[in-house]
Structures are given as structure tokens and as C-alpha cells.
Amino acid sequence: RRIGKTSKVSKDQAKERKLLQRLKEYLENDRMAISFECSD
């Protein structure tokens, strides 16, 4: 749902969308978000 809200990506939303896509792929591999590492 959050990715859907950033479908028309502004420059400020680009980083958020990239993070959401990484996180989506992470969870789709049956991993829990508690072990997900943010870059900054």
C-alpha cells in the first residue's frame, strides 16, 4: 500500500520507494523485518 502511494515518485520519495522495494523483497524471502538493516 505504501509503495502504491509513491507510484508517482518525486525526488524526495525516491529513497523511500527504493527502501520499500528492498524491504518487500526481504520479506518475500520469508525473513522477519527485525533482522532487516537500514543503510542510514
PDB file of all heavy atoms in Angstrom:
ATOM      1  N   ARG A   1       0.838  -1.209   0.000  1.00  0.00           N
ATOM      2  CA  ARG A   1       0.000   0.000   0.000  1.00  0.00           C
ATOM      3  C   ARG A   1       0.867   1.251   0.000  1.00  0.00           C
ATOM      4  O   ARG A   1       0.561   2.232  -0.685  1.00  0.00           O
ATOM      5  CB  ARG A   1      -0.924   0.007   1.220  1.00  0.00           C
ATOM      6  CG  ARG A   1      -2.122  -0.914   1.102  1.00  0.00           C
ATOM      7  CD  ARG A   1      -3.245  -0.478   2.049  1.00  0.00           C
ATOM      8  NE  ARG A   1      -2.793  -0.394   3.437  1.00  0.00           N
ATOM      9  CZ  ARG A   1      -2.891  -1.400   4.307  1.00  0.00           C
ATOM     10  NH1 ARG A   1      -3.408  -2.563   3.938  1.00  0.00           N
ATOM     11  NH2 ARG A   1      -2.475  -1.240   5.545  1.00  0.00           N
ATOM     12  N   ARG A   2       1.942   1.215   0.777  1.00  0.00           N
ATOM     13  CA  ARG A   2       2.851   2.372   0.847  1.00  0.00           C
ATOM     14  C   ARG A   2       3.544   2.587  -0.497  1.00  0.00           C
ATOM     15  O   ARG A   2       3.720   3.726  -0.927  1.00  0.00           O
ATOM     16  CB  ARG A   2       3.876   2.130   1.957  1.00  0.00           C
ATOM     17  CG  ARG A   2       4.793   3.299   2.267  1.00  0.00           C
ATOM     18  CD  ARG A   2       4.134   4.342   3.140  1.00  0.00           C
ATOM     19  NE  ARG A   2       5.120   5.320   3.596  1.00  0.00           N
ATOM     20  CZ  ARG A   2       5.532   5.447   4.851  1.00  0.00           C
ATOM     21  NH1 ARG A   2       5.004   4.669   5.788  1.00  0.00           N
ATOM     22  NH2 ARG A   2       6.425   6.342   5.194  1.00  0.00           N
ATOM     23  N   ILE A   3       3.919   1.502  -1.166  1.00  0.00           N
ATOM     24  CA  ILE A   3       4.538   1.619  -2.484  1.00  0.00           C
ATOM     25  C   ILE A   3       3.555   2.252  -3.468  1.00  0.00           C
ATOM     26  O   ILE A   3       3.920   3.101  -4.292  1.00  0.00           O
ATOM     27  CB  ILE A   3       5.007   0.237  -3.007  1.00  0.00           C
ATOM     28  CG1 ILE A   3       6.210  -0.253  -2.198  1.00  0.00           C
ATOM     29  CG2 ILE A   3       5.373   0.308  -4.494  1.00  0.00           C
ATOM     30  CD1 ILE A   3       6.654  -1.664  -2.529  1.00  0.00           C
ATOM     31  N   GLY A   4       2.280   1.851  -3.352  1.00  0.00           N
ATOM     32  CA  GLY A   4       1.255   2.413  -4.224  1.00  0.00           C
ATOM     33  C   GLY A   4       1.127   3.921  -4.084  1.00  0.00           C
ATOM     34  O   GLY A   4       0.842   4.624  -5.059  1.00  0.00           O
ATOM     35  N   LYS A   5       1.352   4.419  -2.881  1.00  0.00           N
ATOM     36  CA  LYS A   5       1.248   5.858  -2.639  1.00  0.00           C
ATOM     37  C   LYS A   5       2.442   6.618  -3.209  1.00  0.00           C
ATOM     38  O   LYS A   5       2.406   7.842  -3.319  1.00  0.00           O
ATOM     39  CB  LYS A   5       1.138   6.130  -1.135  1.00  0.00           C
ATOM     40  CG  LYS A   5      -0.169   5.645  -0.526  1.00  0.00           C
ATOM     41  CD  LYS A   5      -0.216   5.918   0.970  1.00  0.00           C
ATOM     42  CE  LYS A   5      -1.520   5.429   1.578  1.00  0.00           C
ATOM     43  NZ  LYS A   5      -1.583   5.653   3.042  1.00  0.00           N
ATOM     44  N   THR A   6       3.526   5.886  -3.530  1.00  0.00           N
ATOM     45  CA  THR A   6       4.712   6.543  -4.095  1.00  0.00           C
ATOM     46  C   THR A   6       4.870   6.177  -5.570  1.00  0.00           C
ATOM     47  O   THR A   6       5.971   6.198  -6.109  1.00  0.00           O
ATOM     48  CB  THR A   6       5.985   6.133  -3.312  1.00  0.00           C
ATOM     49  OG1 THR A   6       6.152   4.698  -3.410  1.00  0.00           O
ATOM     50  CG2 THR A   6       5.887   6.533  -1.866  1.00  0.00           C
ATOM     51  N   SER A   7       3.753   5.817  -6.235  1.00  0.00           N
ATOM     52  CA  SER A   7       3.817   5.400  -7.638  1.00  0.00           C
ATOM     53  C   SER A   7       4.301   6.533  -8.541  1.00  0.00           C
ATOM     54  O   SER A   7       5.039   6.316  -9.498  1.00  0.00           O
ATOM     55  CB  SER A   7       2.447   4.899  -8.109  1.00  0.00           C
ATOM     56  OG  SER A   7       1.463   5.892  -7.899  1.00  0.00           O
ATOM     57  N   LYS A   8       3.853   7.750  -8.238  1.00  0.00           N
ATOM     58  CA  LYS A   8       4.363   8.918  -8.961  1.00  0.00           C
ATOM     59  C   LYS A   8       5.478   9.503  -8.120  1.00  0.00           C
ATOM     60  O   LYS A   8       5.265  10.361  -7.261  1.00  0.00           O
ATOM     61  CB  LYS A   8       3.249   9.937  -9.190  1.00  0.00           C
ATOM     62  CG  LYS A   8       2.132   9.419 -10.085  1.00  0.00           C
ATOM     63  CD  LYS A   8       1.067  10.479 -10.288  1.00  0.00           C
ATOM     64  CE  LYS A   8      -0.044   9.962 -11.210  1.00  0.00           C
ATOM     65  NZ  LYS A   8      -1.103  10.966 -11.408  1.00  0.00           N
ATOM     66  N   VAL A   9       6.670   9.007  -8.373  1.00  0.00           N
ATOM     67  CA  VAL A   9       7.794   9.285  -7.481  1.00  0.00           C
ATOM     68  C   VAL A   9       8.369  10.669  -7.698  1.00  0.00           C
ATOM     69  O   VAL A   9       8.780  11.022  -8.796  1.00  0.00           O
ATOM     70  CB  VAL A   9       8.903   8.228  -7.667  1.00  0.00           C
ATOM     71  CG1 VAL A   9      10.034   8.476  -6.687  1.00  0.00           C
ATOM     72  CG2 VAL A   9       8.345   6.836  -7.485  1.00  0.00           C
ATOM     73  N   SER A  10       8.366  11.444  -6.625  1.00  0.00           N
ATOM     74  CA  SER A  10       9.093  12.711  -6.637  1.00  0.00           C
ATOM     75  C   SER A  10      10.523  12.420  -6.215  1.00  0.00           C
ATOM     76  O   SER A  10      10.855  11.314  -5.776  1.00  0.00           O
ATOM     77  CB  SER A  10       8.448  13.697  -5.661  1.00  0.00           C
ATOM     78  OG  SER A  10       8.606  13.223  -4.331  1.00  0.00           O
ATOM     79  N   LYS A  11      11.363  13.410  -6.304  1.00  0.00           N
ATOM     80  CA  LYS A  11      12.768  13.221  -5.930  1.00  0.00           C
ATOM     81  C   LYS A  11      12.877  12.851  -4.455  1.00  0.00           C
ATOM     82  O   LYS A  11      13.687  12.010  -4.064  1.00  0.00           O
ATOM     83  CB  LYS A  11      13.550  14.501  -6.220  1.00  0.00           C
ATOM     84  CG  LYS A  11      15.050  14.356  -6.036  1.00  0.00           C
ATOM     85  CD  LYS A  11      15.777  15.621  -6.472  1.00  0.00           C
ATOM     86  CE  LYS A  11      17.276  15.458  -6.311  1.00  0.00           C
ATOM     87  NZ  LYS A  11      18.016  16.684  -6.724  1.00  0.00           N
ATOM     88  N   ASP A  12      12.026  13.443  -3.617  1.00  0.00           N
ATOM     89  CA  ASP A  12      12.069  13.181  -2.177  1.00  0.00           C
ATOM     90  C   ASP A  12      11.595  11.767  -1.845  1.00  0.00           C
ATOM     91  O   ASP A  12      11.993  11.190  -0.843  1.00  0.00           O
ATOM     92  CB  ASP A  12      11.196  14.198  -1.427  1.00  0.00           C
ATOM     93  CG  ASP A  12      11.760  15.603  -1.506  1.00  0.00           C
ATOM     94  OD1 ASP A  12      12.983  15.734  -1.727  1.00  0.00           O
ATOM     95  OD2 ASP A  12      10.976  16.557  -1.351  1.00  0.00           O
ATOM     96  N   GLN A  13      10.715  11.219  -2.695  1.00  0.00           N
ATOM     97  CA  GLN A  13      10.165   9.891  -2.426  1.00  0.00           C
ATOM     98  C   GLN A  13      10.992   8.758  -3.008  1.00  0.00           C
ATOM     99  O   GLN A  13      10.730   7.589  -2.724  1.00  0.00           O
ATOM    100  CB  GLN A  13       8.741   9.796  -2.985  1.00  0.00           C
ATOM    101  CG  GLN A  13       7.719  10.636  -2.242  1.00  0.00           C
ATOM    102  CD  GLN A  13       6.352  10.534  -2.883  1.00  0.00           C
ATOM    103  OE1 GLN A  13       6.216  10.623  -4.091  1.00  0.00           O
ATOM    104  NE2 GLN A  13       5.337  10.329  -2.049  1.00  0.00           N
ATOM    105  N   ALA A  14      11.986   9.093  -3.822  1.00  0.00           N
ATOM    106  CA  ALA A  14      12.766   8.055  -4.499  1.00  0.00           C
ATOM    107  C   ALA A  14      13.455   7.129  -3.506  1.00  0.00           C
ATOM    108  O   ALA A  14      13.454   5.904  -3.676  1.00  0.00           O
ATOM    109  CB  ALA A  14      13.790   8.694  -5.428  1.00  0.00           C
ATOM    110  N   LYS A  15      14.013   7.715  -2.452  1.00  0.00           N
ATOM    111  CA  LYS A  15      14.722   6.902  -1.463  1.00  0.00           C
ATOM    112  C   LYS A  15      13.749   6.002  -0.711  1.00  0.00           C
ATOM    113  O   LYS A  15      14.048   4.841  -0.438  1.00  0.00           O
ATOM    114  CB  LYS A  15      15.477   7.803  -0.485  1.00  0.00           C
ATOM    115  CG  LYS A  15      16.355   7.027   0.480  1.00  0.00           C
ATOM    116  CD  LYS A  15      17.355   7.937   1.175  1.00  0.00           C
ATOM    117  CE  LYS A  15      18.349   7.114   1.967  1.00  0.00           C
ATOM    118  NZ  LYS A  15      19.426   7.947   2.547  1.00  0.00           N
ATOM    119  N   GLU A  16      12.571   6.556  -0.383  1.00  0.00           N
ATOM    120  CA  GLU A  16      11.575   5.764   0.324  1.00  0.00           C
ATOM    121  C   GLU A  16      11.125   4.577  -0.530  1.00  0.00           C
ATOM    122  O   GLU A  16      11.024   3.453  -0.030  1.00  0.00           O
ATOM    123  CB  GLU A  16      10.359   6.626   0.683  1.00  0.00           C
ATOM    124  CG  GLU A  16       9.248   5.833   1.372  1.00  0.00           C
ATOM    125  CD  GLU A  16       8.046   6.688   1.729  1.00  0.00           C
ATOM    126  OE1 GLU A  16       8.170   7.926   1.708  1.00  0.00           O
ATOM    127  OE2 GLU A  16       6.989   6.114   2.022  1.00  0.00           O
ATOM    128  N   ARG A  17      10.851   4.832  -1.798  1.00  0.00           N
ATOM    129  CA  ARG A  17      10.393   3.757  -2.685  1.00  0.00           C
ATOM    130  C   ARG A  17      11.459   2.674  -2.814  1.00  0.00           C
ATOM    131  O   ARG A  17      11.151   1.476  -2.806  1.00  0.00           O
ATOM    132  CB  ARG A  17      10.031   4.316  -4.054  1.00  0.00           C
ATOM    133  CG  ARG A  17       9.410   3.281  -4.974  1.00  0.00           C
ATOM    134  CD  ARG A  17       8.944   3.915  -6.279  1.00  0.00           C
ATOM    135  NE  ARG A  17       8.410   2.910  -7.184  1.00  0.00           N
ATOM    136  CZ  ARG A  17       7.174   2.445  -7.142  1.00  0.00           C
ATOM    137  NH1 ARG A  17       6.330   2.910  -6.236  1.00  0.00           N
ATOM    138  NH2 ARG A  17       6.752   1.530  -7.996  1.00  0.00           N
ATOM    139  N   LYS A  18      12.726   3.080  -2.906  1.00  0.00           N
ATOM    140  CA  LYS A  18      13.821   2.117  -3.019  1.00  0.00           C
ATOM    141  C   LYS A  18      13.899   1.244  -1.770  1.00  0.00           C
ATOM    142  O   LYS A  18      14.077   0.026  -1.856  1.00  0.00           O
ATOM    143  CB  LYS A  18      15.139   2.873  -3.231  1.00  0.00           C
ATOM    144  CG  LYS A  18      16.327   1.966  -3.508  1.00  0.00           C
ATOM    145  CD  LYS A  18      17.575   2.794  -3.794  1.00  0.00           C
ATOM    146  CE  LYS A  18      18.775   1.886  -4.064  1.00  0.00           C
ATOM    147  NZ  LYS A  18      20.007   2.681  -4.324  1.00  0.00           N
ATOM    148  N   LEU A  19      13.740   1.876  -0.600  1.00  0.00           N
ATOM    149  CA  LEU A  19      13.755   1.127   0.656  1.00  0.00           C
ATOM    150  C   LEU A  19      12.584   0.147   0.720  1.00  0.00           C
ATOM    151  O   LEU A  19      12.746  -1.015   1.113  1.00  0.00           O
ATOM    152  CB  LEU A  19      13.692   2.087   1.848  1.00  0.00           C
ATOM    153  CG  LEU A  19      13.461   1.436   3.223  1.00  0.00           C
ATOM    154  CD1 LEU A  19      14.647   0.565   3.610  1.00  0.00           C
ATOM    155  CD2 LEU A  19      13.198   2.491   4.286  1.00  0.00           C
ATOM    156  N   LEU A  20      11.405   0.608   0.328  1.00  0.00           N
ATOM    157  CA  LEU A  20      10.215  -0.246   0.371  1.00  0.00           C
ATOM    158  C   LEU A  20      10.367  -1.456  -0.540  1.00  0.00           C
ATOM    159  O   LEU A  20       9.959  -2.574  -0.180  1.00  0.00           O
ATOM    160  CB  LEU A  20       8.981   0.563  -0.025  1.00  0.00           C
ATOM    161  CG  LEU A  20       8.540   1.655   0.957  1.00  0.00           C
ATOM    162  CD1 LEU A  20       7.452   2.529   0.332  1.00  0.00           C
ATOM    163  CD2 LEU A  20       8.043   1.049   2.266  1.00  0.00           C
ATOM    164  N   GLN A  21      10.959  -1.262  -1.697  1.00  0.00           N
ATOM    165  CA  GLN A  21      11.159  -2.378  -2.618  1.00  0.00           C
ATOM    166  C   GLN A  21      12.146  -3.392  -2.031  1.00  0.00           C
ATOM    167  O   GLN A  21      11.939  -4.617  -2.141  1.00  0.00           O
ATOM    168  CB  GLN A  21      11.690  -1.858  -3.970  1.00  0.00           C
ATOM    169  CG  GLN A  21      10.703  -1.013  -4.756  1.00  0.00           C
ATOM    170  CD  GLN A  21       9.577  -1.844  -5.374  1.00  0.00           C
ATOM    171  OE1 GLN A  21       9.451  -3.038  -5.126  1.00  0.00           O
ATOM    172  NE2 GLN A  21       8.742  -1.199  -6.192  1.00  0.00           N
ATOM    173  N   ARG A  22      13.216  -2.895  -1.406  1.00  0.00           N
ATOM    174  CA  ARG A  22      14.188  -3.785  -0.753  1.00  0.00           C
ATOM    175  C   ARG A  22      13.534  -4.569   0.375  1.00  0.00           C
ATOM    176  O   ARG A  22      13.748  -5.769   0.539  1.00  0.00           O
ATOM    177  CB  ARG A  22      15.355  -2.964  -0.173  1.00  0.00           C
ATOM    178  CG  ARG A  22      16.464  -2.652  -1.171  1.00  0.00           C
ATOM    179  CD  ARG A  22      17.516  -1.752  -0.554  1.00  0.00           C
ATOM    180  NE  ARG A  22      17.920  -2.209   0.760  1.00  0.00           N
ATOM    181  CZ  ARG A  22      18.189  -1.397   1.782  1.00  0.00           C
ATOM    182  NH1 ARG A  22      18.067  -0.088   1.635  1.00  0.00           N
ATOM    183  NH2 ARG A  22      18.590  -1.888   2.936  1.00  0.00           N
ATOM    184  N   LEU A  23      12.726  -3.869   1.147  1.00  0.00           N
ATOM    185  CA  LEU A  23      12.058  -4.486   2.289  1.00  0.00           C
ATOM    186  C   LEU A  23      11.034  -5.520   1.825  1.00  0.00           C
ATOM    187  O   LEU A  23      10.912  -6.604   2.420  1.00  0.00           O
ATOM    188  CB  LEU A  23      11.394  -3.398   3.126  1.00  0.00           C
ATOM    189  CG  LEU A  23      10.804  -3.789   4.487  1.00  0.00           C
ATOM    190  CD1 LEU A  23      11.821  -4.525   5.341  1.00  0.00           C
ATOM    191  CD2 LEU A  23      10.314  -2.543   5.209  1.00  0.00           C
ATOM    192  N   LYS A  24      10.326  -5.205   0.761  1.00  0.00           N
ATOM    193  CA  LYS A  24       9.342  -6.144   0.196  1.00  0.00           C
ATOM    194  C   LYS A  24      10.031  -7.431  -0.242  1.00  0.00           C
ATOM    195  O   LYS A  24       9.574  -8.544   0.066  1.00  0.00           O
ATOM    196  CB  LYS A  24       8.635  -5.485  -0.986  1.00  0.00           C
ATOM    197  CG  LYS A  24       7.568  -6.362  -1.653  1.00  0.00           C
ATOM    198  CD  LYS A  24       6.846  -5.551  -2.718  1.00  0.00           C
ATOM    199  CE  LYS A  24       5.733  -6.359  -3.393  1.00  0.00           C
ATOM    200  NZ  LYS A  24       6.280  -7.408  -4.275  1.00  0.00           N
ATOM    201  N   GLU A  25      11.142  -7.297  -0.939  1.00  0.00           N
ATOM    202  CA  GLU A  25      11.898  -8.477  -1.387  1.00  0.00           C
ATOM    203  C   GLU A  25      12.422  -9.277  -0.188  1.00  0.00           C
ATOM    204  O   GLU A  25      12.420 -10.509  -0.206  1.00  0.00           O
ATOM    205  CB  GLU A  25      13.057  -8.028  -2.275  1.00  0.00           C
ATOM    206  CG  GLU A  25      13.874  -9.186  -2.829  1.00  0.00           C
ATOM    207  CD  GLU A  25      15.010  -8.718  -3.720  1.00  0.00           C
ATOM    208  OE1 GLU A  25      15.018  -7.531  -4.119  1.00  0.00           O
ATOM    209  OE2 GLU A  25      15.899  -9.538  -4.010  1.00  0.00           O
ATOM    210  N   TYR A  26      12.829  -8.571   0.834  1.00  0.00           N
ATOM    211  CA  TYR A  26      13.360  -9.215   2.040  1.00  0.00           C
ATOM    212  C   TYR A  26      12.290 -10.085   2.699  1.00  0.00           C
ATOM    213  O   TYR A  26      12.530 -11.249   3.041  1.00  0.00           O
ATOM    214  CB  TYR A  26      13.833  -8.127   3.014  1.00  0.00           C
ATOM    215  CG  TYR A  26      14.665  -8.625   4.173  1.00  0.00           C
ATOM    216  CD1 TYR A  26      16.026  -8.809   4.029  1.00  0.00           C
ATOM    217  CD2 TYR A  26      14.075  -8.881   5.409  1.00  0.00           C
ATOM    218  CE1 TYR A  26      16.808  -9.245   5.102  1.00  0.00           C
ATOM    219  CE2 TYR A  26      14.840  -9.330   6.481  1.00  0.00           C
ATOM    220  CZ  TYR A  26      16.202  -9.504   6.319  1.00  0.00           C
ATOM    221  OH  TYR A  26      16.965  -9.955   7.372  1.00  0.00           O
ATOM    222  N   LEU A  27      11.091  -9.539   2.857  1.00  0.00           N
ATOM    223  CA  LEU A  27      10.000 -10.281   3.488  1.00  0.00           C
ATOM    224  C   LEU A  27       9.506 -11.419   2.595  1.00  0.00           C
ATOM    225  O   LEU A  27       9.094 -12.475   3.100  1.00  0.00           O
ATOM    226  CB  LEU A  27       8.841  -9.337   3.811  1.00  0.00           C
ATOM    227  CG  LEU A  27       9.098  -8.278   4.885  1.00  0.00           C
ATOM    228  CD1 LEU A  27       7.886  -7.370   5.028  1.00  0.00           C
ATOM    229  CD2 LEU A  27       9.433  -8.919   6.215  1.00  0.00           C
ATOM    230  N   GLU A  28       9.528 -11.226   1.297  1.00  0.00           N
ATOM    231  CA  GLU A  28       9.088 -12.270   0.374  1.00  0.00           C
ATOM    232  C   GLU A  28       9.987 -13.501   0.420  1.00  0.00           C
ATOM    233  O   GLU A  28       9.602 -14.578  -0.034  1.00  0.00           O
ATOM    234  CB  GLU A  28       9.006 -11.717  -1.055  1.00  0.00           C
ATOM    235  CG  GLU A  28       7.816 -10.794  -1.265  1.00  0.00           C
ATOM    236  CD  GLU A  28       7.804 -10.145  -2.631  1.00  0.00           C
ATOM    237  OE1 GLU A  28       8.875 -10.090  -3.281  1.00  0.00           O
ATOM    238  OE2 GLU A  28       6.723  -9.669  -3.056  1.00  0.00           O
ATOM    239  N   ASN A  29      11.166 -13.338   0.984  1.00  0.00           N
ATOM    240  CA  ASN A  29      12.087 -14.465   1.188  1.00  0.00           C
ATOM    241  C   ASN A  29      11.922 -15.072   2.582  1.00  0.00           C
ATOM    242  O   ASN A  29      12.835 -15.712   3.104  1.00  0.00           O
ATOM    243  CB  ASN A  29      13.533 -14.020   0.983  1.00  0.00           C
ATOM    244  CG  ASN A  29      13.864 -13.820  -0.491  1.00  0.00           C
ATOM    245  OD1 ASN A  29      13.605 -14.692  -1.307  1.00  0.00           O
ATOM    246  ND2 ASN A  29      14.421 -12.671  -0.828  1.00  0.00           N
ATOM    247  N   ASP A  30      10.721 -14.848   3.176  1.00  0.00           N
ATOM    248  CA  ASP A  30      10.353 -15.436   4.480  1.00  0.00           C
ATOM    249  C   ASP A  30      11.287 -15.006   5.606  1.00  0.00           C
ATOM    250  O   ASP A  30      11.586 -15.772   6.516  1.00  0.00           O
ATOM    251  CB  ASP A  30      10.326 -16.975   4.403  1.00  0.00           C
ATOM    252  CG  ASP A  30       9.233 -17.476   3.484  1.00  0.00           C
ATOM    253  OD1 ASP A  30       8.291 -16.707   3.214  1.00  0.00           O
ATOM    254  OD2 ASP A  30       9.318 -18.626   3.028  1.00  0.00           O
ATOM    255  N   ARG A  31      11.743 -13.754   5.547  1.00  0.00           N
ATOM    256  CA  ARG A  31      12.580 -13.219   6.619  1.00  0.00           C
ATOM    257  C   ARG A  31      11.814 -12.146   7.384  1.00  0.00           C
ATOM    258  O   ARG A  31      11.015 -11.411   6.802  1.00  0.00           O
ATOM    259  CB  ARG A  31      13.888 -12.661   6.046  1.00  0.00           C
ATOM    260  CG  ARG A  31      14.822 -13.750   5.538  1.00  0.00           C
ATOM    261  CD  ARG A  31      16.105 -13.186   4.984  1.00  0.00           C
ATOM    262  NE  ARG A  31      15.890 -12.506   3.710  1.00  0.00           N
ATOM    263  CZ  ARG A  31      16.882 -12.046   2.939  1.00  0.00           C
ATOM    264  NH1 ARG A  31      18.140 -12.193   3.320  1.00  0.00           N
ATOM    265  NH2 ARG A  31      16.610 -11.442   1.804  1.00  0.00           N
ATOM    266  N   MET A  32      12.071 -12.069   8.678  1.00  0.00           N
ATOM    267  CA  MET A  32      11.384 -11.115   9.542  1.00  0.00           C
ATOM    268  C   MET A  32      12.073  -9.751   9.462  1.00  0.00           C
ATOM    269  O   MET A  32      13.309  -9.653   9.409  1.00  0.00           O
ATOM    270  CB  MET A  32      11.379 -11.619  10.982  1.00  0.00           C
ATOM    271  CG  MET A  32      10.808 -13.019  11.150  1.00  0.00           C
ATOM    272  SD  MET A  32       9.020 -13.081  10.964  1.00  0.00           S
ATOM    273  CE  MET A  32       8.505 -12.609  12.628  1.00  0.00           C
ATOM    274  N   ALA A  33      11.281  -8.702   9.497  1.00  0.00           N
ATOM    275  CA  ALA A  33      11.816  -7.343   9.347  1.00  0.00           C
ATOM    276  C   ALA A  33      12.746  -6.944  10.483  1.00  0.00           C
ATOM    277  O   ALA A  33      13.552  -6.028  10.328  1.00  0.00           O
ATOM    278  CB  ALA A  33      10.675  -6.341   9.245  1.00  0.00           C
ATOM    279  N   ILE A  34      12.682  -7.633  11.635  1.00  0.00           N
ATOM    280  CA  ILE A  34      13.522  -7.270  12.774  1.00  0.00           C
ATOM    281  C   ILE A  34      15.003  -7.442  12.452  1.00  0.00           C
ATOM    282  O   ILE A  34      15.868  -6.800  13.053  1.00  0.00           O
ATOM    283  CB  ILE A  34      13.131  -8.095  14.029  1.00  0.00           C
ATOM    284  CG1 ILE A  34      13.737  -7.453  15.279  1.00  0.00           C
ATOM    285  CG2 ILE A  34      13.517  -9.558  13.885  1.00  0.00           C
ATOM    286  CD1 ILE A  34      13.185  -8.025  16.574  1.00  0.00           C
ATOM    287  N   SER A  35      15.322  -8.299  11.466  1.00  0.00           N
ATOM    288  CA  SER A  35      16.722  -8.511  11.094  1.00  0.00           C
ATOM    289  C   SER A  35      17.124  -7.687   9.864  1.00  0.00           C
ATOM    290  O   SER A  35      18.256  -7.780   9.388  1.00  0.00           O
ATOM    291  CB  SER A  35      16.980 -10.001  10.824  1.00  0.00           C
ATOM    292  OG  SER A  35      16.115 -10.495   9.811  1.00  0.00           O
ATOM    293  N   PHE A  36      16.200  -6.859   9.353  1.00  0.00           N
ATOM    294  CA  PHE A  36      16.481  -6.011   8.195  1.00  0.00           C
ATOM    295  C   PHE A  36      17.393  -4.857   8.619  1.00  0.00           C
ATOM    296  O   PHE A  36      17.213  -4.267   9.675  1.00  0.00           O
ATOM    297  CB  PHE A  36      15.177  -5.463   7.615  1.00  0.00           C
ATOM    298  CG  PHE A  36      15.340  -4.608   6.394  1.00  0.00           C
ATOM    299  CD1 PHE A  36      15.496  -5.184   5.141  1.00  0.00           C
ATOM    300  CD2 PHE A  36      15.334  -3.222   6.499  1.00  0.00           C
ATOM    301  CE1 PHE A  36      15.632  -4.391   4.007  1.00  0.00           C
ATOM    302  CE2 PHE A  36      15.474  -2.419   5.378  1.00  0.00           C
ATOM    303  CZ  PHE A  36      15.631  -3.009   4.129  1.00  0.00           C
ATOM    304  N   GLU A  37      18.381  -4.544   7.793  1.00  0.00           N
ATOM    305  CA  GLU A  37      19.332  -3.482   8.127  1.00  0.00           C
ATOM    306  C   GLU A  37      19.127  -2.272   7.230  1.00  0.00           C
ATOM    307  O   GLU A  37      19.160  -2.388   6.002  1.00  0.00           O
ATOM    308  CB  GLU A  37      20.773  -3.989   8.000  1.00  0.00           C
ATOM    309  CG  GLU A  37      21.131  -5.075   9.008  1.00  0.00           C
ATOM    310  CD  GLU A  37      22.586  -5.496   8.912  1.00  0.00           C
ATOM    311  OE1 GLU A  37      23.339  -4.883   8.110  1.00  0.00           O
ATOM    312  OE2 GLU A  37      22.978  -6.435   9.632  1.00  0.00           O
ATOM    313  N   CYS A  38      18.913  -1.122   7.860  1.00  0.00           N
ATOM    314  CA  CYS A  38      18.799   0.143   7.123  1.00  0.00           C
ATOM    315  C   CYS A  38      20.195   0.721   6.899  1.00  0.00           C
ATOM    316  O   CYS A  38      21.095   0.532   7.718  1.00  0.00           O
ATOM    317  CB  CYS A  38      17.928   1.130   7.889  1.00  0.00           C
ATOM    318  SG  CYS A  38      16.208   0.600   8.064  1.00  0.00           S
ATOM    319  N   SER A  39      20.347   1.451   5.802  1.00  0.00           N
ATOM    320  CA  SER A  39      21.678   1.954   5.441  1.00  0.00           C
ATOM    321  C   SER A  39      22.034   3.259   6.139  1.00  0.00           C
ATOM    322  O   SER A  39      23.213   3.597   6.272  1.00  0.00           O
ATOM    323  CB  SER A  39      21.778   2.134   3.923  1.00  0.00           C
ATOM    324  OG  SER A  39      20.794   3.048   3.466  1.00  0.00           O
ATOM    325  N   ASP A  40      21.020   4.039   6.586  1.00  0.00           N
ATOM    326  CA  ASP A  40      21.310   5.298   7.266  1.00  0.00           C
ATOM    327  C   ASP A  40      20.120   5.708   8.138  1.00  0.00           C
ATOM    328  O   ASP A  40      19.089   5.023   8.175  1.00  0.00           O
ATOM    329  CB  ASP A  40      21.645   6.407   6.256  1.00  0.00           C
ATOM    330  CG  ASP A  40      20.564   6.592   5.195  1.00  0.00           C
ATOM    331  OD1 ASP A  40      19.365   6.461   5.544  1.00  0.00           O
ATOM    332  OD2 ASP A  40      20.899   6.864   4.033  1.00  0.00           O
TER     333      ASP A  40
END
